[in-house]
Amino acid sequence: MVEFGAAIEGLAAAEIRAIQNERLAKQLSYLWARSPFYQDKLSSAGLGPDSVRSVEDLTAVPFTIKDDIRKSLAASPPLGNHLAAQPSDIVQFQASTGTTGRPSYVGLTAHDRDNWAEITRRTFWAHGFRPGERVLQALGMSRCWVGGVPVIQGLEALGAACIPAGAEPGTTWLLHTIADLNPTGLVATPNFAVYLGNQAKEVLGVNAHQLPIERIYVGGEPGGGIPEFRRHAEALWGAQMREVMGGTDLSPVMWAECEDQSGMHFVAPELIYWEIVDNAGDPVEITTGATGELVYSHLDRQATPVLRFRHSDMIEVLDTECRCGRTSPKIKCYGRTDDLMIIKGVNFYPTALQDIVMGMRPATSGSVRILKHQPEYTWPGPLHIRVERGEARSPEADGELASKLTQAISDLCRVRATVEVVSFGTYPSPGREKVRLIEKMYET
């Protein structure tokens, strides 16, 4: 029998729905009593305190979008007028950097913090981590990012022996720590995990697969779910890489892969309700093959709850069943609405490009950037792409490499591209910052 991180992960859909409806009713009553932001939003849609009593009723609730949150934060800093708890009850602040470059803050009560730790614990359990396991946390600790302290709190809730290093100490220190303390688990962004593995021979005199790491837990940027990237990372470390996904306004992580490695399960159905919508905002039935944008509603949040929050993550439902026994559908994220480009009517997401470039290693280093010269998301093209050549690759072969990449992008993505090959080392080595595939040239 499969052992879950929490029993609810294996409950039938009808049982989960009953729990969700009960919790949603309580959450709505709480918001009506404490949140001016949602009082106004619900009232403006003609909804009263008893209008939403089940998750099916949520379709009548207006969406909350990121601009709503930004305006709320600006109107009533630091946590916005969607703060529904007393300021004196806030025990932890976290932040993310939005498109403006200014931090976007969320607050946590002790209850919220405990829920975050529980959800994070479940993701580690799904990935195969167990109490007593030694785990190196190498996600950035600075700037109140949710990959820092909250992930450590999740490891503590699991009962793991956490090494709370962060990415800031750099590769030499981290690799020596792995050699000295022998952790079997590594938590990092996917690109930093690969970079760390690539440096093992130079720093320690041994290949990464000779080190004790068995499980690599990655998130925060594209890569972990890209097949070619994952194959390379797993061969490099001789370890299994699994991906997680979450969001600062909701929970640091809430999606995680099981041992089947065939998509991410949602692990907190009694705490957050999720749905998917199409481009027009209409609900999409959750069936195998369905695609759309993720929308979330808190079911048990005190400080800064959200209802029908459009999160921008574009996902595909890979399956509605799994041999692990979890009843949550399995998904993959293939892009974000704010990364979407429409080139001559063809939808294009940068993660598709990353898979192509990784597949041409060692001719490429795997590093790629899209140079975006205008803020509009739709234009006739071609895409302007820079690809870093492989470390041992001669510049004389750049023309051949550019031609192959141009053809592959045309064949697989159905868009035209102008490919510029640049020297190895052009792009900074991955570290504490997320790797961003799009360079917005119009901002610089």
Protein backbone atom coordinates (compact mmCIF):
# COMPACT_ATOMS: atom_id res chain seq x y z
CA MET A 1 0.00 0.00 0.00
CA VAL A 2 1.34 3.46 -0.93
CA GLU A 3 1.97 5.72 2.06
CA PHE A 4 0.98 9.32 1.41
CA GLY A 5 2.25 12.49 3.03
CA ALA A 6 -1.36 13.07 4.14
CA ALA A 7 -4.38 10.79 3.96
CA ILE A 8 -6.39 13.33 1.97
CA GLU A 9 -4.09 12.82 -1.03
CA GLY A 10 -5.68 9.40 -1.56
CA LEU A 11 -9.34 10.28 -0.89
CA ALA A 12 -11.97 10.01 -3.60
CA ALA A 13 -12.96 13.20 -5.39
CA ALA A 14 -16.40 13.31 -3.74
CA GLU A 15 -14.89 13.10 -0.25
CA ILE A 16 -12.41 15.86 -1.03
CA ARG A 17 -15.16 18.04 -2.51
CA ALA A 18 -17.24 17.80 0.68
CA ILE A 19 -14.25 18.96 2.74
CA GLN A 20 -13.55 21.79 0.28
CA ASN A 21 -17.15 23.03 0.37
CA GLU A 22 -17.19 23.10 4.16
CA ARG A 23 -13.92 25.02 4.32
CA LEU A 24 -14.88 27.43 1.54
CA ALA A 25 -18.04 28.43 3.41
CA LYS A 26 -15.95 29.23 6.49
CA GLN A 27 -13.38 31.12 4.44
CA LEU A 28 -16.07 33.26 2.77
CA SER A 29 -17.64 34.10 6.11
CA TYR A 30 -14.19 35.10 7.36
CA LEU A 31 -13.58 37.34 4.33
CA TRP A 32 -16.94 39.07 4.64
CA ALA A 33 -16.10 39.89 8.25
CA ARG A 34 -12.45 40.92 7.79
CA SER A 35 -11.48 41.79 4.20
CA PRO A 36 -12.53 45.18 2.75
CA PHE A 37 -10.91 44.13 -0.51
CA TYR A 38 -13.17 41.09 -0.98
CA GLN A 39 -16.22 42.77 0.51
CA ASP A 40 -15.99 45.29 -2.33
CA LYS A 41 -15.13 42.73 -5.01
CA LEU A 42 -17.97 40.38 -4.09
CA SER A 43 -20.53 43.15 -3.58
CA SER A 44 -19.69 44.70 -6.95
CA ALA A 45 -20.54 41.36 -8.57
CA GLY A 46 -23.92 41.29 -6.81
CA LEU A 47 -22.82 38.58 -4.38
CA GLY A 48 -23.81 38.47 -0.71
CA PRO A 49 -22.46 36.62 2.34
CA ASP A 50 -24.36 33.44 1.44
CA SER A 51 -23.91 33.50 -2.34
CA VAL A 52 -20.87 31.20 -2.41
CA ARG A 53 -21.32 28.01 -0.42
CA SER A 54 -19.58 25.47 -2.66
CA VAL A 55 -16.63 25.44 -5.05
CA GLU A 56 -19.09 25.20 -7.95
CA ASP A 57 -20.37 28.65 -6.94
CA LEU A 58 -16.90 30.17 -7.36
CA THR A 59 -17.47 30.71 -11.07
CA ALA A 60 -19.69 33.67 -10.09
CA VAL A 61 -16.79 35.31 -8.23
CA PRO A 62 -14.73 37.87 -10.21
CA PHE A 63 -11.11 36.97 -10.83
CA THR A 64 -8.34 38.49 -8.75
CA ILE A 65 -5.39 39.38 -10.98
CA LYS A 66 -1.86 40.46 -10.11
CA ASP A 67 -2.63 44.08 -10.88
CA ASP A 68 -5.41 43.96 -8.26
CA ILE A 69 -2.85 42.81 -5.70
CA ARG A 70 -0.36 45.52 -6.73
CA LYS A 71 -3.02 48.22 -6.36
CA SER A 72 -4.09 46.79 -3.01
CA LEU A 73 -0.50 46.85 -1.74
CA ALA A 74 -0.03 50.43 -2.95
CA ALA A 75 -3.28 51.58 -1.35
CA SER A 76 -2.53 50.15 2.07
CA PRO A 77 1.13 49.19 2.53
CA PRO A 78 2.79 46.96 3.42
CA LEU A 79 0.29 44.08 3.07
CA GLY A 80 -2.58 45.71 1.21
CA ASN A 81 -6.25 46.07 1.93
CA HIS A 82 -6.67 42.37 1.22
CA LEU A 83 -5.03 41.74 4.60
CA ALA A 84 -7.70 39.94 6.62
CA ALA A 85 -5.85 39.43 9.91
CA GLN A 86 -4.79 41.85 12.59
CA PRO A 87 -1.32 43.28 11.89
CA SER A 88 -0.30 42.22 15.38
CA ASP A 89 -1.05 38.59 14.43
CA ILE A 90 1.51 38.55 11.59
CA VAL A 91 4.51 36.42 12.54
CA GLN A 92 6.33 36.17 9.20
CA PHE A 93 6.73 38.25 6.04
CA GLN A 94 7.72 36.88 2.63
CA ALA A 95 8.25 38.67 -0.65
CA SER A 96 8.56 38.21 -4.37
CA THR A 97 9.79 40.65 -6.99
CA GLY A 98 7.11 41.57 -9.51
CA THR A 99 7.45 42.92 -13.03
CA THR A 100 8.06 46.43 -11.66
CA GLY A 101 11.06 45.23 -9.69
CA ARG A 102 9.47 46.28 -6.39
CA PRO A 103 8.83 43.59 -3.78
CA SER A 104 5.33 42.20 -3.41
CA TYR A 105 4.74 41.21 0.20
CA VAL A 106 2.60 38.56 1.85
CA GLY A 107 2.04 38.09 5.56
CA LEU A 108 1.56 34.93 7.57
CA THR A 109 -0.11 34.31 10.90
CA ALA A 110 1.16 31.40 12.96
CA HIS A 111 -1.69 29.33 11.51
CA ASP A 112 -0.75 30.29 7.94
CA ARG A 113 2.92 29.54 8.58
CA ASP A 114 2.04 26.11 9.92
CA ASN A 115 -0.10 25.40 6.83
CA TRP A 116 2.79 26.40 4.55
CA ALA A 117 5.12 24.08 6.43
CA GLU A 118 2.60 21.23 6.18
CA ILE A 119 2.07 21.67 2.44
CA THR A 120 5.84 21.84 1.88
CA ARG A 121 6.34 18.73 4.01
CA ARG A 122 3.91 16.84 1.78
CA THR A 123 5.85 17.81 -1.35
CA PHE A 124 9.06 16.46 0.14
CA TRP A 125 7.28 13.26 1.12
CA ALA A 126 5.93 12.83 -2.42
CA HIS A 127 9.49 13.20 -3.73
CA GLY A 128 10.69 10.35 -1.53
CA PHE A 129 12.31 12.35 1.29
CA ARG A 130 11.83 10.87 4.76
CA PRO A 131 12.36 11.85 8.42
CA GLY A 132 16.00 11.77 9.43
CA GLU A 133 17.28 12.23 5.89
CA ARG A 134 20.11 14.73 5.53
CA VAL A 135 19.17 17.47 3.04
CA LEU A 136 21.19 20.42 1.69
CA GLN A 137 18.97 23.45 1.06
CA ALA A 138 20.69 25.42 -1.74
CA LEU A 139 17.88 27.75 -2.80
CA GLY A 140 18.49 31.48 -2.37
CA MET A 141 17.95 32.66 1.20
CA SER A 142 18.02 36.40 0.50
CA ARG A 143 15.24 38.93 -0.11
CA CYS A 144 12.59 36.96 1.77
CA TRP A 145 12.12 34.58 -1.19
CA VAL A 146 9.73 31.73 -0.37
CA GLY A 147 12.36 29.20 -1.47
CA GLY A 148 14.41 30.13 1.58
CA VAL A 149 13.10 29.98 5.15
CA PRO A 150 9.68 28.44 4.25
CA VAL A 151 11.36 25.48 2.53
CA ILE A 152 13.54 24.99 5.60
CA GLN A 153 10.40 25.05 7.75
CA GLY A 154 8.93 22.34 5.53
CA LEU A 155 12.03 20.20 5.99
CA GLU A 156 11.78 20.71 9.74
CA ALA A 157 8.13 19.63 9.64
CA LEU A 158 9.22 16.50 7.77
CA GLY A 159 11.77 15.73 10.47
CA ALA A 160 14.70 15.92 8.07
CA ALA A 161 18.22 16.90 9.09
CA CYS A 162 18.40 20.18 7.19
CA ILE A 163 21.61 21.92 6.12
CA PRO A 164 20.24 25.47 5.62
CA ALA A 165 22.99 26.84 3.40
CA GLY A 166 21.15 28.63 0.61
CA ALA A 167 22.80 29.32 -2.74
CA GLU A 168 24.73 32.36 -1.49
CA PRO A 169 27.90 30.57 -0.22
CA GLY A 170 28.76 29.54 -3.80
CA THR A 171 29.71 26.28 -5.45
CA THR A 172 33.02 25.62 -3.72
CA TRP A 173 31.56 25.91 -0.23
CA LEU A 174 28.45 23.92 -1.11
CA LEU A 175 30.35 21.08 -2.77
CA HIS A 176 32.71 20.78 0.18
CA THR A 177 29.66 20.71 2.45
CA ILE A 178 28.22 17.82 0.41
CA ALA A 179 31.54 15.98 0.67
CA ASP A 180 31.80 16.67 4.43
CA LEU A 181 28.22 16.08 5.59
CA ASN A 182 27.06 13.48 3.01
CA PRO A 183 23.49 14.67 2.41
CA THR A 184 21.36 12.40 0.24
CA GLY A 185 18.97 15.23 -0.72
CA LEU A 186 19.61 18.47 -2.59
CA VAL A 187 17.14 21.38 -2.92
CA ALA A 188 17.99 23.91 -5.65
CA THR A 189 16.83 25.63 -8.80
CA PRO A 190 17.31 23.24 -11.74
CA ASN A 191 20.00 25.30 -13.46
CA PHE A 192 21.98 25.74 -10.25
CA ALA A 193 21.77 22.01 -9.51
CA VAL A 194 23.33 21.29 -12.91
CA TYR A 195 25.96 24.00 -12.50
CA LEU A 196 26.88 22.64 -9.07
CA GLY A 197 27.23 19.15 -10.51
CA ASN A 198 29.39 20.40 -13.37
CA GLN A 199 31.84 21.98 -10.89
CA ALA A 200 32.29 18.85 -8.76
CA LYS A 201 35.31 17.52 -10.68
CA GLU A 202 37.18 20.82 -10.54
CA VAL A 203 36.40 21.52 -6.88
CA LEU A 204 36.50 18.05 -5.33
CA GLY A 205 38.35 15.94 -7.88
CA VAL A 206 35.38 13.59 -8.26
CA ASN A 207 32.35 13.54 -10.55
CA ALA A 208 28.98 14.55 -9.12
CA HIS A 209 27.60 11.02 -9.50
CA GLN A 210 30.25 9.85 -7.02
CA LEU A 211 28.76 12.10 -4.32
CA PRO A 212 25.99 10.83 -1.99
CA ILE A 213 23.10 12.88 -3.47
CA GLU A 214 20.17 10.57 -4.38
CA ARG A 215 17.23 12.98 -4.69
CA ILE A 216 17.18 16.47 -6.23
CA TYR A 217 14.17 18.67 -5.46
CA VAL A 218 13.92 21.57 -7.93
CA GLY A 219 11.63 24.51 -8.62
CA GLY A 220 11.54 28.26 -9.04
CA GLU A 221 12.34 28.34 -12.76
CA PRO A 222 11.85 26.24 -15.92
CA GLY A 223 14.04 23.19 -16.39
CA GLY A 224 13.10 20.49 -13.93
CA GLY A 225 10.21 19.25 -16.04
CA ILE A 226 11.94 19.55 -19.42
CA PRO A 227 12.79 15.98 -20.52
CA GLU A 228 16.22 16.64 -22.04
CA PHE A 229 17.26 18.86 -19.15
CA ARG A 230 16.18 16.26 -16.61
CA ARG A 231 17.99 13.42 -18.39
CA HIS A 232 21.18 15.45 -18.38
CA ALA A 233 20.85 16.39 -14.69
CA GLU A 234 20.09 12.86 -13.56
CA ALA A 235 23.01 11.41 -15.51
CA LEU A 236 25.31 14.09 -14.10
CA TRP A 237 24.40 13.39 -10.47
CA GLY A 238 23.36 9.74 -10.69
CA ALA A 239 20.28 10.91 -8.79
CA GLN A 240 16.58 11.36 -9.38
CA MET A 241 15.32 14.87 -10.13
CA ARG A 242 11.71 15.79 -9.40
CA GLU A 243 9.96 19.11 -9.86
CA VAL A 244 7.74 21.23 -7.61
CA MET A 245 5.66 24.33 -8.26
CA GLY A 246 3.97 26.95 -6.11
CA GLY A 247 3.50 30.70 -5.74
CA THR A 248 4.31 33.38 -3.18
CA ASP A 249 0.70 34.56 -2.80
CA LEU A 250 -0.48 30.99 -2.19
CA SER A 251 2.15 28.59 -0.86
CA PRO A 252 5.87 28.21 -1.62
CA VAL A 253 5.13 24.83 -3.18
CA MET A 254 1.90 22.87 -3.63
CA TRP A 255 2.50 20.65 -6.65
CA ALA A 256 4.96 17.75 -6.53
CA GLU A 257 5.91 14.66 -8.49
CA CYS A 258 5.57 11.15 -7.12
CA GLU A 259 7.88 8.21 -7.83
CA ASP A 260 6.30 7.79 -11.26
CA GLN A 261 7.85 11.10 -12.43
CA SER A 262 5.02 11.60 -14.89
CA GLY A 263 3.59 14.92 -13.78
CA MET A 264 2.95 16.93 -10.63
CA HIS A 265 0.15 16.14 -8.15
CA PHE A 266 -1.61 18.79 -6.06
CA VAL A 267 -0.96 17.93 -2.41
CA ALA A 268 -3.13 20.42 -0.46
CA PRO A 269 -6.74 20.10 -1.66
CA GLU A 270 -8.25 20.98 1.72
CA LEU A 271 -6.23 24.22 1.98
CA ILE A 272 -6.32 25.61 -1.59
CA TYR A 273 -8.80 24.98 -4.40
CA TRP A 274 -7.52 25.06 -7.98
CA GLU A 275 -9.23 25.24 -11.34
CA ILE A 276 -8.16 26.02 -14.89
CA VAL A 277 -9.64 28.54 -17.30
CA ASP A 278 -9.17 29.29 -20.98
CA ASN A 279 -7.93 32.58 -22.46
CA ALA A 280 -11.41 34.07 -22.15
CA GLY A 281 -11.61 33.11 -18.48
CA ASP A 282 -14.17 30.35 -18.97
CA PRO A 283 -13.78 27.19 -16.85
CA VAL A 284 -12.06 24.20 -18.47
CA GLU A 285 -13.07 20.68 -17.51
CA ILE A 286 -10.18 18.85 -15.86
CA THR A 287 -9.67 15.88 -18.14
CA THR A 288 -6.58 14.27 -19.65
CA GLY A 289 -5.17 16.61 -22.27
CA ALA A 290 -6.95 19.72 -21.03
CA THR A 291 -4.93 22.94 -21.05
CA GLY A 292 -5.43 26.33 -19.47
CA GLU A 293 -4.35 28.86 -16.86
CA LEU A 294 -4.30 27.94 -13.17
CA VAL A 295 -6.71 29.81 -10.88
CA TYR A 296 -6.52 29.42 -7.09
CA SER A 297 -8.76 30.12 -4.09
CA HIS A 298 -7.66 29.81 -0.48
CA LEU A 299 -9.81 27.58 1.71
CA ASP A 300 -7.99 28.20 5.00
CA ARG A 301 -5.93 31.39 5.02
CA GLN A 302 -5.98 34.13 7.63
CA ALA A 303 -3.55 36.89 6.64
CA THR A 304 -3.57 37.60 2.89
CA PRO A 305 -6.08 35.24 1.27
CA VAL A 306 -7.01 35.29 -2.41
CA LEU A 307 -10.13 34.15 -4.27
CA ARG A 308 -10.07 33.07 -7.92
CA PHE A 309 -6.53 34.34 -8.31
CA ARG A 310 -5.26 34.03 -11.89
CA HIS A 311 -1.72 32.85 -11.39
CA SER A 312 -0.46 33.04 -15.02
CA ASP A 313 0.89 29.45 -15.02
CA MET A 314 -0.23 27.61 -18.15
CA ILE A 315 -0.60 23.88 -17.60
CA GLU A 316 -1.59 20.67 -19.33
CA VAL A 317 -3.39 17.86 -17.51
CA LEU A 318 -1.28 14.79 -18.27
CA ASP A 319 -3.53 12.22 -16.60
CA THR A 320 -6.34 11.96 -14.09
CA GLU A 321 -5.06 8.71 -12.56
CA CYS A 322 -1.71 7.52 -11.25
CA ARG A 323 -0.32 4.20 -10.08
CA CYS A 324 0.92 5.90 -6.90
CA GLY A 325 -2.73 6.07 -5.76
CA ARG A 326 -2.95 9.84 -5.37
CA THR A 327 -6.28 11.06 -6.68
CA SER A 328 -5.09 14.48 -7.81
CA PRO A 329 -4.65 14.83 -11.57
CA LYS A 330 -1.08 15.10 -12.83
CA ILE A 331 -0.01 18.26 -14.63
CA LYS A 332 2.96 19.90 -16.28
CA CYS A 333 3.53 23.65 -16.58
CA TYR A 334 4.56 24.64 -20.08
CA GLY A 335 4.73 28.41 -19.67
CA ARG A 336 3.27 31.55 -18.18
CA THR A 337 0.77 33.93 -19.70
CA ASP A 338 3.24 36.81 -19.21
CA ASP A 339 5.89 34.84 -21.17
CA LEU A 340 3.54 33.98 -24.04
CA MET A 341 4.56 35.29 -27.45
CA ILE A 342 2.38 35.06 -30.51
CA ILE A 343 4.53 34.98 -33.62
CA LYS A 344 2.43 35.23 -36.79
CA GLY A 345 -0.52 33.69 -34.96
CA VAL A 346 1.48 30.83 -33.40
CA ASN A 347 1.61 30.59 -29.58
CA PHE A 348 5.21 30.26 -28.40
CA TYR A 349 6.53 29.63 -24.88
CA PRO A 350 10.25 29.92 -24.02
CA THR A 351 10.40 26.53 -22.30
CA ALA A 352 9.98 24.85 -25.68
CA LEU A 353 13.14 26.60 -26.85
CA GLN A 354 15.08 25.51 -23.78
CA ASP A 355 14.28 21.86 -24.53
CA ILE A 356 15.63 22.22 -28.09
CA VAL A 357 18.86 23.91 -26.99
CA MET A 358 19.49 21.36 -24.23
CA GLY A 359 19.00 18.60 -26.77
CA MET A 360 21.94 19.96 -28.80
CA ARG A 361 24.51 19.66 -26.03
CA PRO A 362 27.54 19.58 -26.12
CA ALA A 363 27.44 21.79 -29.24
CA THR A 364 25.60 24.26 -26.98
CA SER A 365 26.18 24.89 -23.28
CA GLY A 366 22.41 24.72 -22.77
CA SER A 367 22.14 28.46 -22.03
CA VAL A 368 19.75 30.43 -24.23
CA ARG A 369 18.05 33.81 -24.15
CA ILE A 370 15.26 35.40 -26.16
CA LEU A 371 15.89 39.08 -26.88
CA LYS A 372 12.53 40.83 -26.78
CA HIS A 373 12.66 44.25 -28.41
CA GLN A 374 9.10 45.40 -27.79
CA PRO A 375 6.63 45.08 -24.91
CA GLU A 376 3.83 43.70 -27.11
CA TYR A 377 3.38 39.94 -26.93
CA THR A 378 2.36 39.57 -30.56
CA TRP A 379 4.43 40.49 -33.60
CA PRO A 380 5.34 39.04 -37.01
CA GLY A 381 8.78 37.80 -35.94
CA PRO A 382 11.33 36.48 -36.33
CA LEU A 383 12.44 35.65 -32.79
CA HIS A 384 15.88 36.99 -31.88
CA ILE A 385 17.67 34.23 -30.01
CA ARG A 386 21.14 34.02 -28.47
CA VAL A 387 22.58 30.59 -27.76
CA GLU A 388 25.80 29.94 -25.90
CA ARG A 389 28.16 27.55 -27.67
CA GLY A 390 29.54 24.53 -25.83
CA GLU A 391 32.76 24.92 -23.87
CA ALA A 392 34.84 22.84 -26.31
CA ARG A 393 33.06 24.06 -29.44
CA SER A 394 35.01 25.98 -32.10
CA PRO A 395 33.58 29.34 -33.22
CA GLU A 396 34.15 28.17 -36.80
CA ALA A 397 31.16 25.85 -36.38
CA ASP A 398 28.79 28.62 -35.24
CA GLY A 399 27.15 28.95 -38.64
CA GLU A 400 26.30 25.25 -38.78
CA LEU A 401 24.95 25.31 -35.21
CA ALA A 402 22.80 28.38 -35.92
CA SER A 403 21.35 26.70 -39.03
CA LYS A 404 20.47 23.53 -37.10
CA LEU A 405 18.81 25.51 -34.33
CA THR A 406 16.87 27.68 -36.77
CA GLN A 407 15.54 24.58 -38.52
CA ALA A 408 14.68 22.79 -35.26
CA ILE A 409 12.78 25.84 -33.97
CA SER A 410 10.88 26.03 -37.24
CA ASP A 411 10.08 22.31 -37.25
CA LEU A 412 9.12 21.93 -33.59
CA CYS A 413 7.74 25.36 -32.67
CA ARG A 414 6.52 26.51 -36.10
CA VAL A 415 8.06 29.97 -35.77
CA ARG A 416 10.90 31.77 -37.57
CA ALA A 417 14.01 32.63 -35.59
CA THR A 418 17.26 34.49 -36.04
CA VAL A 419 19.88 32.60 -34.04
CA GLU A 420 23.03 34.29 -32.77
CA VAL A 421 25.69 31.99 -31.30
CA VAL A 422 27.75 33.58 -28.52
CA SER A 423 30.86 32.40 -26.71
CA PHE A 424 30.84 30.03 -23.76
CA GLY A 425 30.59 31.98 -20.51
CA THR A 426 28.58 34.86 -21.97
CA TYR A 427 25.82 34.27 -19.45
CA PRO A 428 26.44 34.23 -15.71
CA SER A 429 26.63 30.89 -13.99
CA PRO A 430 23.39 29.96 -12.21
CA GLY A 431 23.30 30.84 -8.55
CA ARG A 432 20.89 32.40 -6.11
CA GLU A 433 18.97 34.31 -8.81
CA LYS A 434 16.44 32.61 -11.06
CA VAL A 435 17.47 32.09 -14.65
CA ARG A 436 15.24 34.24 -16.86
CA LEU A 437 14.99 33.17 -20.49
CA ILE A 438 13.64 36.49 -21.78
CA GLU A 439 15.78 39.63 -21.88
CA LYS A 440 13.54 42.68 -22.24
CA MET A 441 15.75 44.84 -24.42
CA TYR A 442 13.16 47.62 -24.55
CA GLU A 443 13.69 48.18 -20.81
CA THR A 444 17.46 48.62 -21.15
